[in-house]
Amino acid sequence: MSERTTPTLAQRIGYICGRTLPPSMSEWVRTDLTGPGATRRYLLRILIPMIPVLCLFLLIPGPLWMRFAMMALLYLPLIYFTVALTYVFRRNKLIKHGFDPDLADTERREREAAERNSYEQRHGRA
């Protein structure tokens, strides 16, 4: 029987929580962390599961606006720090799975190279 190349549900949950996947799934991990939609997946994995937890504030007695204010006081900084630490998180996961951490910059480097080529062509340096 061949080894799995994609994680099971239990392995995905462990991966989201910080566990390392087996080497047979390294291509899936690389695509997950550097492929199209990697940032979106990261944000959704952190921000969506927190909504039910924050909804517990709706059980606290008091005005509805106060309950939503308490939720916002926790959720807004979570959004801010999640977005701010996206790059650090992706680099850490790449290192943990044995990849070059510079893979997290691939998209940005390709975009900068395309901009540079465009600039050089427009200004006669090609």
N, C-alpha and C. Protein backbone atom coordinates (compact mmCIF):
# COMPACT_ATOMS: atom_id res chain seq x y z
N MET A 1 0.84 -1.18 0.00
CA MET A 1 0.00 0.00 0.00
C MET A 1 0.88 1.24 0.00
N SER A 2 0.59 2.20 -0.87
CA SER A 2 1.41 3.40 -0.97
C SER A 2 1.03 4.39 0.14
N GLU A 3 1.97 5.26 0.44
CA GLU A 3 1.74 6.26 1.48
C GLU A 3 0.82 7.35 0.97
N ARG A 4 0.05 7.93 1.88
CA ARG A 4 -0.87 9.02 1.53
C ARG A 4 -0.07 10.27 1.18
N THR A 5 -0.59 11.01 0.21
CA THR A 5 0.05 12.28 -0.16
C THR A 5 -0.77 13.47 0.29
N THR A 6 -1.98 13.22 0.78
CA THR A 6 -2.80 14.29 1.36
C THR A 6 -3.23 13.86 2.75
N PRO A 7 -3.35 14.80 3.66
CA PRO A 7 -3.67 14.43 5.05
C PRO A 7 -5.14 14.05 5.24
N THR A 8 -5.36 13.19 6.22
CA THR A 8 -6.72 12.85 6.63
C THR A 8 -7.27 14.02 7.44
N LEU A 9 -8.54 13.95 7.81
CA LEU A 9 -9.15 15.02 8.60
C LEU A 9 -8.41 15.21 9.93
N ALA A 10 -8.09 14.12 10.59
CA ALA A 10 -7.37 14.19 11.87
C ALA A 10 -5.98 14.80 11.68
N GLN A 11 -5.30 14.42 10.60
CA GLN A 11 -3.98 14.98 10.32
C GLN A 11 -4.08 16.47 9.99
N ARG A 12 -5.12 16.88 9.26
CA ARG A 12 -5.30 18.31 8.95
C ARG A 12 -5.50 19.13 10.21
N ILE A 13 -6.31 18.61 11.11
CA ILE A 13 -6.55 19.31 12.38
C ILE A 13 -5.24 19.42 13.15
N GLY A 14 -4.48 18.34 13.20
CA GLY A 14 -3.18 18.38 13.86
C GLY A 14 -2.24 19.35 13.19
N TYR A 15 -2.25 19.38 11.87
CA TYR A 15 -1.42 20.31 11.10
C TYR A 15 -1.79 21.75 11.41
N ILE A 16 -3.07 22.04 11.46
CA ILE A 16 -3.53 23.40 11.79
C ILE A 16 -3.10 23.77 13.20
N CYS A 17 -3.10 22.79 14.10
CA CYS A 17 -2.71 23.05 15.49
C CYS A 17 -1.20 23.05 15.70
N GLY A 18 -0.42 22.76 14.64
CA GLY A 18 1.03 22.87 14.76
C GLY A 18 1.81 21.59 14.60
N ARG A 19 1.16 20.48 14.39
CA ARG A 19 1.90 19.23 14.22
C ARG A 19 2.56 19.17 12.84
N THR A 20 3.59 18.36 12.75
CA THR A 20 4.30 18.15 11.49
C THR A 20 3.70 16.93 10.78
N LEU A 21 3.48 17.07 9.49
CA LEU A 21 2.95 15.95 8.69
C LEU A 21 4.11 15.06 8.22
N PRO A 22 3.82 13.80 7.88
CA PRO A 22 4.87 12.90 7.41
C PRO A 22 5.51 13.40 6.11
N PRO A 23 6.74 12.99 5.82
CA PRO A 23 7.43 13.42 4.61
C PRO A 23 6.69 13.10 3.31
N SER A 24 5.86 12.07 3.30
CA SER A 24 5.12 11.73 2.08
C SER A 24 4.13 12.83 1.69
N MET A 25 3.81 13.71 2.61
CA MET A 25 2.86 14.79 2.35
C MET A 25 3.55 16.14 2.17
N SER A 26 4.86 16.12 1.98
CA SER A 26 5.60 17.38 1.91
C SER A 26 5.18 18.24 0.73
N GLU A 27 4.82 17.63 -0.38
CA GLU A 27 4.37 18.42 -1.54
C GLU A 27 3.06 19.13 -1.23
N TRP A 28 2.17 18.45 -0.52
CA TRP A 28 0.90 19.07 -0.12
C TRP A 28 1.17 20.25 0.81
N VAL A 29 2.10 20.07 1.75
CA VAL A 29 2.43 21.14 2.70
C VAL A 29 3.02 22.34 1.94
N ARG A 30 3.94 22.08 1.00
CA ARG A 30 4.53 23.17 0.25
C ARG A 30 3.48 23.95 -0.53
N THR A 31 2.58 23.23 -1.18
CA THR A 31 1.50 23.89 -1.93
C THR A 31 0.58 24.65 -0.99
N ASP A 32 0.29 24.07 0.17
CA ASP A 32 -0.59 24.72 1.13
C ASP A 32 0.00 26.03 1.63
N LEU A 33 1.31 26.06 1.84
CA LEU A 33 1.95 27.24 2.42
C LEU A 33 2.42 28.26 1.39
N THR A 34 2.61 27.85 0.15
CA THR A 34 3.16 28.78 -0.84
C THR A 34 2.30 28.91 -2.09
N GLY A 35 1.33 28.05 -2.26
CA GLY A 35 0.52 28.05 -3.47
C GLY A 35 -0.52 29.16 -3.46
N PRO A 36 -1.30 29.23 -4.53
CA PRO A 36 -2.36 30.24 -4.60
C PRO A 36 -3.35 30.07 -3.45
N GLY A 37 -3.69 31.16 -2.81
CA GLY A 37 -4.64 31.13 -1.71
C GLY A 37 -4.06 30.77 -0.37
N ALA A 38 -2.73 30.70 -0.25
CA ALA A 38 -2.11 30.29 1.02
C ALA A 38 -2.46 31.26 2.15
N THR A 39 -2.43 32.54 1.87
CA THR A 39 -2.74 33.53 2.90
C THR A 39 -4.21 33.44 3.30
N ARG A 40 -5.08 33.29 2.32
CA ARG A 40 -6.50 33.17 2.61
C ARG A 40 -6.78 31.95 3.48
N ARG A 41 -6.17 30.81 3.15
CA ARG A 41 -6.37 29.60 3.96
C ARG A 41 -5.89 29.81 5.39
N TYR A 42 -4.74 30.44 5.54
CA TYR A 42 -4.20 30.70 6.87
C TYR A 42 -5.17 31.56 7.68
N LEU A 43 -5.65 32.64 7.08
CA LEU A 43 -6.56 33.54 7.80
C LEU A 43 -7.86 32.83 8.17
N LEU A 44 -8.41 32.07 7.26
CA LEU A 44 -9.66 31.36 7.56
C LEU A 44 -9.48 30.33 8.66
N ARG A 45 -8.34 29.64 8.66
CA ARG A 45 -8.09 28.62 9.68
C ARG A 45 -7.97 29.21 11.08
N ILE A 46 -7.56 30.44 11.18
CA ILE A 46 -7.41 31.08 12.49
C ILE A 46 -8.69 31.82 12.89
N LEU A 47 -9.25 32.58 11.97
CA LEU A 47 -10.34 33.49 12.31
C LEU A 47 -11.72 32.82 12.41
N ILE A 48 -12.03 31.88 11.55
CA ILE A 48 -13.36 31.26 11.55
C ILE A 48 -13.62 30.43 12.82
N PRO A 49 -12.68 29.59 13.27
CA PRO A 49 -12.97 28.81 14.48
C PRO A 49 -13.16 29.66 15.74
N MET A 50 -12.70 30.89 15.72
CA MET A 50 -12.86 31.73 16.90
C MET A 50 -14.27 32.32 17.03
N ILE A 51 -15.02 32.35 15.95
CA ILE A 51 -16.35 32.96 16.00
C ILE A 51 -17.28 32.23 16.97
N PRO A 52 -17.39 30.89 16.93
CA PRO A 52 -18.26 30.23 17.91
C PRO A 52 -17.81 30.46 19.36
N VAL A 53 -16.51 30.52 19.57
CA VAL A 53 -16.01 30.78 20.92
C VAL A 53 -16.44 32.18 21.38
N LEU A 54 -16.31 33.15 20.50
CA LEU A 54 -16.71 34.51 20.85
C LEU A 54 -18.22 34.64 21.02
N CYS A 55 -18.98 33.79 20.36
CA CYS A 55 -20.44 33.84 20.50
C CYS A 55 -20.88 33.49 21.93
N LEU A 56 -20.00 32.90 22.71
CA LEU A 56 -20.33 32.64 24.11
C LEU A 56 -20.59 33.94 24.86
N PHE A 57 -20.03 35.05 24.38
CA PHE A 57 -20.29 36.35 25.01
C PHE A 57 -21.76 36.74 24.89
N LEU A 58 -22.47 36.18 23.93
CA LEU A 58 -23.89 36.48 23.77
C LEU A 58 -24.73 35.91 24.92
N LEU A 59 -24.14 34.98 25.68
CA LEU A 59 -24.85 34.39 26.82
C LEU A 59 -24.73 35.24 28.08
N ILE A 60 -23.86 36.22 28.09
CA ILE A 60 -23.67 37.08 29.25
C ILE A 60 -24.84 38.05 29.34
N PRO A 61 -25.44 38.19 30.52
CA PRO A 61 -26.56 39.12 30.64
C PRO A 61 -26.10 40.58 30.46
N GLY A 62 -26.97 41.38 29.92
CA GLY A 62 -26.65 42.78 29.70
C GLY A 62 -27.11 43.22 28.33
N PRO A 63 -26.89 44.48 28.02
CA PRO A 63 -27.32 45.00 26.72
C PRO A 63 -26.58 44.30 25.57
N LEU A 64 -27.28 44.14 24.47
CA LEU A 64 -26.71 43.46 23.31
C LEU A 64 -25.47 44.17 22.79
N TRP A 65 -25.49 45.50 22.78
CA TRP A 65 -24.34 46.25 22.27
C TRP A 65 -23.10 45.97 23.11
N MET A 66 -23.29 45.76 24.41
CA MET A 66 -22.15 45.47 25.30
C MET A 66 -21.55 44.10 24.97
N ARG A 67 -22.40 43.14 24.67
CA ARG A 67 -21.90 41.80 24.33
C ARG A 67 -21.10 41.85 23.03
N PHE A 68 -21.64 42.57 22.02
CA PHE A 68 -20.91 42.70 20.75
C PHE A 68 -19.63 43.50 20.93
N ALA A 69 -19.64 44.47 21.82
CA ALA A 69 -18.42 45.25 22.09
C ALA A 69 -17.34 44.36 22.70
N MET A 70 -17.73 43.47 23.60
CA MET A 70 -16.75 42.56 24.20
C MET A 70 -16.18 41.62 23.13
N MET A 71 -17.03 41.15 22.24
CA MET A 71 -16.57 40.28 21.16
C MET A 71 -15.60 41.04 20.26
N ALA A 72 -15.94 42.27 19.93
CA ALA A 72 -15.09 43.07 19.05
C ALA A 72 -13.75 43.37 19.70
N LEU A 73 -13.75 43.60 21.02
CA LEU A 73 -12.50 43.88 21.72
C LEU A 73 -11.50 42.72 21.62
N LEU A 74 -12.01 41.53 21.45
CA LEU A 74 -11.13 40.38 21.28
C LEU A 74 -10.87 40.06 19.81
N TYR A 75 -11.90 40.18 18.98
CA TYR A 75 -11.78 39.75 17.59
C TYR A 75 -10.96 40.70 16.73
N LEU A 76 -11.11 42.00 16.93
CA LEU A 76 -10.36 42.96 16.10
C LEU A 76 -8.84 42.85 16.29
N PRO A 77 -8.34 42.76 17.52
CA PRO A 77 -6.88 42.54 17.66
C PRO A 77 -6.45 41.18 17.11
N LEU A 78 -7.31 40.17 17.23
CA LEU A 78 -6.99 38.86 16.66
C LEU A 78 -6.79 38.97 15.16
N ILE A 79 -7.69 39.68 14.49
CA ILE A 79 -7.56 39.89 13.04
C ILE A 79 -6.25 40.60 12.73
N TYR A 80 -5.99 41.68 13.46
CA TYR A 80 -4.79 42.48 13.22
C TYR A 80 -3.52 41.62 13.36
N PHE A 81 -3.40 40.92 14.47
CA PHE A 81 -2.18 40.14 14.71
C PHE A 81 -2.09 38.93 13.80
N THR A 82 -3.21 38.35 13.43
CA THR A 82 -3.19 37.23 12.50
C THR A 82 -2.64 37.67 11.15
N VAL A 83 -3.12 38.80 10.68
CA VAL A 83 -2.63 39.32 9.39
C VAL A 83 -1.16 39.72 9.52
N ALA A 84 -0.80 40.37 10.61
CA ALA A 84 0.57 40.83 10.79
C ALA A 84 1.57 39.67 10.88
N LEU A 85 1.14 38.54 11.41
CA LEU A 85 2.06 37.42 11.61
C LEU A 85 1.95 36.33 10.54
N THR A 86 1.21 36.60 9.48
CA THR A 86 1.07 35.61 8.41
C THR A 86 2.42 35.17 7.87
N TYR A 87 3.27 36.11 7.55
CA TYR A 87 4.58 35.81 6.97
C TYR A 87 5.42 34.97 7.94
N VAL A 88 5.44 35.35 9.19
CA VAL A 88 6.22 34.64 10.21
C VAL A 88 5.70 33.22 10.37
N PHE A 89 4.39 33.07 10.41
CA PHE A 89 3.78 31.75 10.55
C PHE A 89 4.14 30.84 9.38
N ARG A 90 4.01 31.36 8.17
CA ARG A 90 4.30 30.54 7.00
C ARG A 90 5.77 30.12 6.96
N ARG A 91 6.68 31.04 7.27
CA ARG A 91 8.11 30.69 7.31
C ARG A 91 8.38 29.62 8.36
N ASN A 92 7.76 29.74 9.52
CA ASN A 92 7.96 28.77 10.59
C ASN A 92 7.46 27.39 10.18
N LYS A 93 6.29 27.33 9.55
CA LYS A 93 5.76 26.04 9.08
C LYS A 93 6.67 25.43 8.02
N LEU A 94 7.20 26.26 7.12
CA LEU A 94 8.11 25.75 6.09
C LEU A 94 9.36 25.15 6.73
N ILE A 95 9.93 25.84 7.69
CA ILE A 95 11.12 25.33 8.39
C ILE A 95 10.79 24.02 9.11
N LYS A 96 9.67 24.00 9.79
CA LYS A 96 9.26 22.82 10.56
C LYS A 96 9.09 21.59 9.67
N HIS A 97 8.70 21.79 8.42
CA HIS A 97 8.51 20.67 7.50
C HIS A 97 9.72 20.44 6.59
N GLY A 98 10.84 21.12 6.88
CA GLY A 98 12.08 20.85 6.17
C GLY A 98 12.25 21.59 4.86
N PHE A 99 11.52 22.68 4.65
CA PHE A 99 11.65 23.46 3.42
C PHE A 99 12.47 24.71 3.67
N ASP A 100 12.93 25.31 2.59
CA ASP A 100 13.63 26.59 2.65
C ASP A 100 12.62 27.68 3.02
N PRO A 101 12.87 28.44 4.09
CA PRO A 101 11.90 29.47 4.50
C PRO A 101 11.71 30.58 3.47
N ASP A 102 12.65 30.71 2.54
CA ASP A 102 12.52 31.73 1.50
C ASP A 102 11.39 31.41 0.52
N LEU A 103 10.86 30.20 0.56
CA LEU A 103 9.73 29.86 -0.30
C LEU A 103 8.51 30.73 0.03
N ALA A 104 8.44 31.24 1.24
CA ALA A 104 7.33 32.11 1.63
C ALA A 104 7.35 33.41 0.84
N ASP A 105 8.51 33.78 0.29
CA ASP A 105 8.65 35.03 -0.47
C ASP A 105 8.54 34.85 -1.97
N THR A 106 8.29 33.65 -2.44
CA THR A 106 8.33 33.37 -3.87
C THR A 106 7.41 34.29 -4.66
N GLU A 107 6.19 34.44 -4.21
CA GLU A 107 5.21 35.26 -4.92
C GLU A 107 5.67 36.72 -5.01
N ARG A 108 6.16 37.23 -3.88
CA ARG A 108 6.62 38.62 -3.86
C ARG A 108 7.84 38.81 -4.77
N ARG A 109 8.78 37.85 -4.73
CA ARG A 109 9.97 37.97 -5.58
C ARG A 109 9.62 37.89 -7.05
N GLU A 110 8.68 37.04 -7.42
CA GLU A 110 8.25 36.95 -8.82
C GLU A 110 7.59 38.26 -9.27
N ARG A 111 6.77 38.83 -8.41
CA ARG A 111 6.11 40.10 -8.73
C ARG A 111 7.14 41.22 -8.89
N GLU A 112 8.12 41.27 -8.00
CA GLU A 112 9.16 42.30 -8.09
C GLU A 112 10.01 42.12 -9.35
N ALA A 113 10.30 40.87 -9.72
CA ALA A 113 11.08 40.62 -10.94
C ALA A 113 10.31 41.06 -12.17
N ALA A 114 9.00 40.81 -12.19
CA ALA A 114 8.18 41.23 -13.32
C ALA A 114 8.12 42.75 -13.41
N GLU A 115 7.99 43.41 -12.26
CA GLU A 115 7.99 44.88 -12.25
C GLU A 115 9.33 45.43 -12.73
N ARG A 116 10.41 44.81 -12.31
CA ARG A 116 11.74 45.26 -12.72
C ARG A 116 11.93 45.09 -14.22
N ASN A 117 11.52 43.93 -14.76
CA ASN A 117 11.62 43.71 -16.21
C ASN A 117 10.79 44.72 -16.98
N SER A 118 9.60 44.99 -16.49
CA SER A 118 8.73 45.98 -17.14
C SER A 118 9.39 47.36 -17.12
N TYR A 119 9.97 47.73 -16.00
CA TYR A 119 10.64 49.02 -15.88
C TYR A 119 11.82 49.12 -16.85
N GLU A 120 12.62 48.05 -16.89
CA GLU A 120 13.80 48.05 -17.76
C GLU A 120 13.40 48.10 -19.23
N GLN A 121 12.33 47.45 -19.61
CA GLN A 121 11.87 47.50 -20.99
C GLN A 121 11.35 48.88 -21.36
N ARG A 122 10.64 49.50 -20.44
CA ARG A 122 10.10 50.85 -20.71
C ARG A 122 11.20 51.89 -20.82
N HIS A 123 12.27 51.72 -20.08
CA HIS A 123 13.33 52.73 -20.02
C HIS A 123 14.60 52.33 -20.76
N GLY A 124 14.49 51.33 -21.63
CA GLY A 124 15.60 50.98 -22.51
C GLY A 124 16.79 50.31 -21.88
N ARG A 125 16.60 49.58 -20.83
CA ARG A 125 17.72 48.88 -20.20
C ARG A 125 17.69 47.39 -20.44
N ALA A 126 16.80 46.94 -21.27
CA ALA A 126 16.64 45.50 -21.49
C ALA A 126 17.74 44.94 -22.36
